[in-house]
């Protein structure tokens, strides 16, 4: 991949994932869609359901329609690493909110002690905001509706197609087909990489209230705003993007859990 390559001769990869939830440390990918394309044509595409090896919450199934029986015979994410690398190795990715999808891909590789591919991505949310300033919403569905692009929302391949089509509309509006990739990167404001979102384990204390190896009680605010009391044994610190997590044994659940330190409101 060359920064001096013209946009109209560059290989792109539209990418989208559906998951079991919003947290890349504890949730898993349940489907993935990938499309190799240039600004002029689609080259090839790939779609599959993914067995997350964990339950899919009912409220998440309501969103994307994927149930546990549907993924029983599907490949695990580890079986798809080669395909992900094949599609992303020589292409710039085009993703609607890449921080979400790339954090899940990085977490999957990390889970299996594999090196995450060097994925570089353009964010169609950010590009659309800069290019179409009159829009009231930059949700993928709303953008596609505005431009007359038909998608099946929360279907990974269809959402990847939507991201691809929005990207093409942006290039057309900017008359950027003859720009080089460096021009597009400057307009974007720097490129997003999987490495910048990588999950990292660290021995350095990331919350002075929480010592490793000692049983403590925490008051934790969950995603719904509920205050929960949990007795835990902290084991490791994790950093993913700008968020800090504690891996800990939870005595109530009798299993390993992950806690975002920003949601820990008190420690006893």
Protein backbone atom coordinates (compact mmCIF):
# COMPACT_ATOMS: atom_id res chain seq x y z
CA UNK A 1 0.00 0.00 0.00
CA UNK A 2 1.49 3.29 -1.15
CA UNK A 3 0.51 6.76 0.06
CA UNK A 4 1.33 8.13 -3.40
CA UNK A 5 -1.08 5.75 -5.16
CA UNK A 6 -4.08 7.49 -6.76
CA UNK A 7 -7.40 6.81 -5.04
CA UNK A 8 -8.98 5.53 -8.27
CA UNK A 9 -6.29 2.79 -8.54
CA UNK A 10 -6.36 1.79 -4.87
CA UNK A 11 -7.78 -1.44 -3.45
CA UNK A 12 -10.20 -0.88 -0.58
CA UNK A 13 -11.90 -3.31 1.78
CA UNK A 14 -15.32 -2.50 3.21
CA UNK A 15 -15.71 -4.33 6.51
CA UNK A 16 -18.45 -4.82 9.07
CA UNK A 17 -19.00 -7.10 12.08
CA UNK A 18 -22.01 -8.04 14.17
CA UNK A 19 -21.31 -9.07 17.76
CA UNK A 20 -22.78 -10.46 20.99
CA UNK A 21 -22.56 -7.01 22.61
CA UNK A 22 -20.63 -3.75 22.78
CA UNK A 23 -17.58 -4.68 24.87
CA UNK A 24 -14.69 -6.11 22.79
CA UNK A 25 -13.07 -7.69 25.85
CA UNK A 26 -16.02 -9.86 26.85
CA UNK A 27 -18.20 -9.92 23.72
CA UNK A 28 -17.50 -11.78 20.48
CA UNK A 29 -18.07 -11.49 16.72
CA UNK A 30 -21.09 -13.40 15.36
CA UNK A 31 -20.86 -12.41 11.68
CA UNK A 32 -18.44 -10.63 9.38
CA UNK A 33 -18.72 -9.12 5.92
CA UNK A 34 -15.78 -8.11 3.71
CA UNK A 35 -15.77 -6.53 0.24
CA UNK A 36 -12.74 -5.88 -1.96
CA UNK A 37 -13.50 -2.93 -4.23
CA UNK A 38 -12.11 0.03 -6.12
CA UNK A 39 -14.03 3.26 -6.72
CA UNK A 40 -15.13 1.76 -10.06
CA UNK A 41 -16.04 -1.84 -9.25
CA UNK A 42 -16.49 -4.65 -6.74
CA UNK A 43 -13.75 -7.27 -6.99
CA UNK A 44 -14.91 -9.93 -4.53
CA UNK A 45 -16.72 -10.35 -1.25
CA UNK A 46 -17.02 -12.68 1.72
CA UNK A 47 -19.67 -13.23 4.37
CA UNK A 48 -20.11 -15.75 7.13
CA UNK A 49 -21.79 -16.27 10.45
CA UNK A 50 -19.30 -16.85 13.27
CA UNK A 51 -19.67 -19.17 16.26
CA UNK A 52 -18.84 -16.91 19.25
CA UNK A 53 -18.51 -19.91 21.62
CA UNK A 54 -20.72 -18.05 24.08
CA UNK A 55 -24.44 -17.20 24.38
CA UNK A 56 -26.01 -14.47 22.27
CA UNK A 57 -28.18 -12.27 24.52
CA UNK A 58 -31.84 -12.09 23.40
CA UNK A 59 -31.81 -8.29 23.22
CA UNK A 60 -28.85 -8.46 20.81
CA UNK A 61 -30.60 -11.07 18.66
CA UNK A 62 -33.48 -8.59 18.33
CA UNK A 63 -31.01 -6.18 16.75
CA UNK A 64 -29.27 -8.37 14.16
CA UNK A 65 -31.48 -11.47 14.09
CA UNK A 66 -28.67 -13.95 14.75
CA UNK A 67 -29.55 -16.77 17.16
CA UNK A 68 -27.48 -19.48 18.86
CA UNK A 69 -28.82 -22.30 16.59
CA UNK A 70 -27.83 -20.28 13.51
CA UNK A 71 -24.15 -20.19 14.54
CA UNK A 72 -23.76 -23.72 15.93
CA UNK A 73 -22.16 -25.02 12.72
CA UNK A 74 -20.47 -21.74 11.79
CA UNK A 75 -16.66 -21.36 11.90
CA UNK A 76 -15.06 -19.82 14.96
CA UNK A 77 -13.25 -16.51 14.53
CA UNK A 78 -9.90 -18.33 14.76
CA UNK A 79 -10.80 -20.25 11.60
CA UNK A 80 -11.31 -16.92 9.81
CA UNK A 81 -8.02 -15.23 10.66
CA UNK A 82 -6.49 -16.12 7.29
CA UNK A 83 -9.50 -14.72 5.41
CA UNK A 84 -9.43 -11.49 7.42
CA UNK A 85 -5.71 -11.09 6.71
CA UNK A 86 -6.24 -11.89 3.02
CA UNK A 87 -8.84 -9.14 2.63
CA UNK A 88 -7.09 -6.47 4.71
CA UNK A 89 -3.39 -7.07 3.96
CA UNK A 90 -3.13 -5.03 0.73
CA UNK A 91 -6.19 -2.82 1.07
CA UNK A 92 -7.24 0.28 2.96
CA UNK A 93 -10.33 -0.58 4.96
CA UNK A 94 -13.51 1.47 4.73
CA UNK A 95 -15.59 1.10 7.89
CA UNK A 96 -18.50 2.95 9.47
CA UNK A 97 -17.11 3.69 12.95
CA UNK A 98 -13.95 1.53 12.64
CA UNK A 99 -13.08 1.82 16.33
CA UNK A 100 -15.89 -0.63 17.06
CA UNK A 101 -15.08 -3.26 14.42
CA UNK A 102 -11.29 -3.05 14.72
CA UNK A 103 -11.39 -3.34 18.51
CA UNK A 104 -13.34 -6.60 18.16
CA UNK A 105 -10.95 -7.94 15.52
CA UNK A 106 -7.95 -7.01 17.65
CA UNK A 107 -9.54 -8.65 20.70
CA UNK A 108 -10.17 -11.85 18.72
CA UNK A 109 -6.54 -12.13 17.60
CA UNK A 110 -5.38 -11.27 21.12
CA UNK A 111 -7.63 -13.99 22.55
CA UNK A 112 -5.74 -16.61 20.52
CA UNK A 113 -2.31 -15.04 21.14
CA UNK A 114 -2.02 -14.01 17.49
CA UNK A 115 -0.62 -10.78 16.09
CA UNK A 116 -3.37 -8.50 14.83
CA UNK A 117 -2.99 -7.62 11.13
CA UNK A 118 -1.74 -4.12 10.34
CA UNK A 119 -5.18 -2.85 9.35
CA UNK A 120 -5.50 0.77 8.16
CA UNK A 121 -8.99 2.25 7.96
CA UNK A 122 -10.93 5.29 6.80
CA UNK A 123 -13.99 6.15 8.89
CA UNK A 124 -17.07 6.85 6.76
CA UNK A 125 -18.77 8.52 9.75
CA UNK A 126 -15.96 11.06 10.01
CA UNK A 127 -15.64 11.54 6.24
CA UNK A 128 -19.40 12.01 5.83
CA UNK A 129 -19.49 14.62 8.62
CA UNK A 130 -16.76 16.63 6.88
CA UNK A 131 -18.22 16.24 3.40
CA UNK A 132 -22.00 16.42 3.92
CA UNK A 133 -22.34 18.98 6.69
CA UNK A 134 -26.08 19.45 6.20
CA UNK A 135 -27.01 15.99 7.48
CA UNK A 136 -28.93 15.69 10.74
CA UNK A 137 -27.68 12.14 11.38
CA UNK A 138 -24.63 10.18 10.28
CA UNK A 139 -26.07 6.81 11.26
CA UNK A 140 -25.37 4.35 8.44
CA UNK A 141 -29.05 3.62 7.89
CA UNK A 142 -29.95 7.33 7.72
CA UNK A 143 -27.09 8.09 5.34
CA UNK A 144 -28.03 5.20 3.06
CA UNK A 145 -31.68 6.28 3.08
CA UNK A 146 -30.67 9.85 2.15
CA UNK A 147 -28.62 8.64 -0.82
CA UNK A 148 -31.13 5.99 -1.94
CA UNK A 149 -28.88 3.08 -0.99
CA UNK A 150 -30.81 -0.03 0.05
CA UNK A 151 -29.30 -2.06 2.90
CA UNK A 152 -30.45 -4.73 5.32
CA UNK A 153 -29.44 -2.96 8.55
CA UNK A 154 -27.30 -4.97 10.99
CA UNK A 155 -26.45 -7.60 8.39
CA UNK A 156 -22.65 -7.52 8.20
CA UNK A 157 -22.26 -7.84 4.43
CA UNK A 158 -25.11 -5.43 3.70
CA UNK A 159 -23.72 -2.86 6.14
CA UNK A 160 -20.29 -3.26 4.51
CA UNK A 161 -21.96 -2.56 1.15
CA UNK A 162 -23.58 0.53 2.65
CA UNK A 163 -20.22 1.79 3.94
CA UNK A 164 -18.69 1.18 0.51
CA UNK A 165 -21.43 3.12 -1.27
CA UNK A 166 -21.25 6.04 1.17
CA UNK A 167 -17.47 6.12 0.65
CA UNK A 168 -17.98 6.29 -3.13
CA UNK A 169 -20.44 9.18 -2.71
CA UNK A 170 -17.83 11.01 -0.63
CA UNK A 171 -15.12 10.49 -3.26
CA UNK A 172 -17.52 11.71 -5.96
CA UNK A 173 -18.52 14.80 -3.98
CA UNK A 174 -14.89 15.70 -3.32
CA UNK A 175 -13.88 14.95 -6.92
CA UNK A 176 -11.15 12.94 -5.22
CA UNK A 177 -10.71 9.99 -7.57
CA UNK A 178 -7.40 11.46 -8.75
CA UNK A 179 -6.19 12.37 -5.28
CA UNK A 180 -3.45 10.23 -3.87
CA UNK A 181 -4.02 8.26 -0.69
CA UNK A 182 -1.95 10.80 1.25
CA UNK A 183 -4.39 13.55 0.15
CA UNK A 184 -7.32 11.47 1.37
CA UNK A 185 -5.56 10.73 4.64
CA UNK A 186 -4.92 14.46 5.19
CA UNK A 187 -8.56 15.25 4.50
CA UNK A 188 -9.60 12.46 6.87
CA UNK A 189 -7.23 13.80 9.53
CA UNK A 190 -4.92 10.82 9.88
CA UNK A 191 -5.66 7.18 9.24
CA UNK A 192 -7.05 4.82 11.90
CA UNK A 193 -5.06 1.66 12.61
CA UNK A 194 -5.86 -1.50 14.51
CA UNK A 195 -2.59 -0.99 16.38
CA UNK A 196 -3.83 2.29 17.87
CA UNK A 197 -6.85 0.43 19.29
CA UNK A 198 -4.95 -2.68 20.37
CA UNK A 199 -5.69 -4.45 23.63
CA UNK A 200 -2.62 -4.38 25.82
CA UNK A 201 -1.89 -6.15 29.07
CA UNK A 202 0.14 -4.12 31.56
CA UNK A 203 1.67 -4.68 34.98
CA UNK A 204 1.57 -0.98 35.78
CA UNK A 205 -1.28 -0.04 38.13
CA UNK A 206 -3.99 1.70 36.12
CA UNK A 207 -6.20 2.35 39.15
CA UNK A 208 -4.45 2.90 42.48
CA UNK A 209 -7.58 1.76 44.33
CA UNK A 210 -7.32 -1.75 42.89
CA UNK A 211 -4.32 -3.92 43.88
CA UNK A 212 -3.75 -7.17 42.03
CA UNK A 213 -4.01 -10.39 43.99
CA UNK A 214 -6.16 -9.10 46.86
CA UNK A 215 -9.86 -9.74 47.33
CA UNK A 216 -11.83 -6.49 47.28
CA UNK A 217 -15.44 -5.34 47.01
CA UNK A 218 -16.39 -2.85 44.33
CA UNK A 219 -19.47 -0.80 43.56
CA UNK A 220 -19.85 -0.96 39.78
CA UNK A 221 -22.13 1.03 37.47
CA UNK A 222 -23.31 -1.23 34.64
CA UNK A 223 -24.27 -0.13 31.11
CA UNK A 224 -27.88 0.42 32.23
CA UNK A 225 -26.83 2.69 35.09
CA UNK A 226 -27.50 0.13 37.82
CA UNK A 227 -25.18 0.17 40.84
CA UNK A 228 -23.91 -3.35 41.56
CA UNK A 229 -21.82 -4.65 44.43
CA UNK A 230 -19.29 -7.33 43.51
CA UNK A 231 -16.61 -9.17 45.46
CA UNK A 232 -13.67 -9.74 43.11
CA UNK A 233 -10.06 -10.91 43.01
CA UNK A 234 -8.22 -8.62 40.52
CA UNK A 235 -5.74 -10.54 38.32
CA UNK A 236 -4.60 -8.36 35.39
CA UNK A 237 -4.84 -4.86 34.01
CA UNK A 238 -5.88 -4.32 30.39
CA UNK A 239 -5.85 -1.22 28.20
CA UNK A 240 -7.89 -1.05 25.01
CA UNK A 241 -7.87 2.25 23.17
CA UNK A 242 -8.50 4.89 25.85
CA UNK A 243 -10.29 2.53 28.23
CA UNK A 244 -8.82 0.65 31.18
CA UNK A 245 -10.09 -2.71 32.39
CA UNK A 246 -9.51 -5.07 35.29
CA UNK A 247 -9.59 -8.82 34.69
CA UNK A 248 -10.85 -10.35 37.92
CA UNK A 249 -12.36 -13.48 39.40
CA UNK A 250 -15.95 -12.65 40.39
CA UNK A 251 -17.08 -14.58 43.46
CA UNK A 252 -20.77 -14.07 42.69
CA UNK A 253 -20.58 -15.39 39.11
CA UNK A 254 -17.81 -17.89 39.91
CA UNK A 255 -15.99 -16.90 36.73
CA UNK A 256 -13.49 -14.47 35.23
CA UNK A 257 -15.06 -11.08 34.45
CA UNK A 258 -13.83 -7.77 33.05
CA UNK A 259 -14.60 -4.39 34.62
CA UNK A 260 -14.10 -0.97 33.04
CA UNK A 261 -12.35 1.03 35.76
CA UNK A 262 -14.26 4.17 34.77
CA UNK A 263 -17.43 2.42 35.96
CA UNK A 264 -16.01 1.45 39.36
CA UNK A 265 -17.42 4.13 41.65
CA UNK A 266 -16.13 2.76 44.98
CA UNK A 267 -13.70 0.17 46.33
CA UNK A 268 -13.83 -1.43 49.79
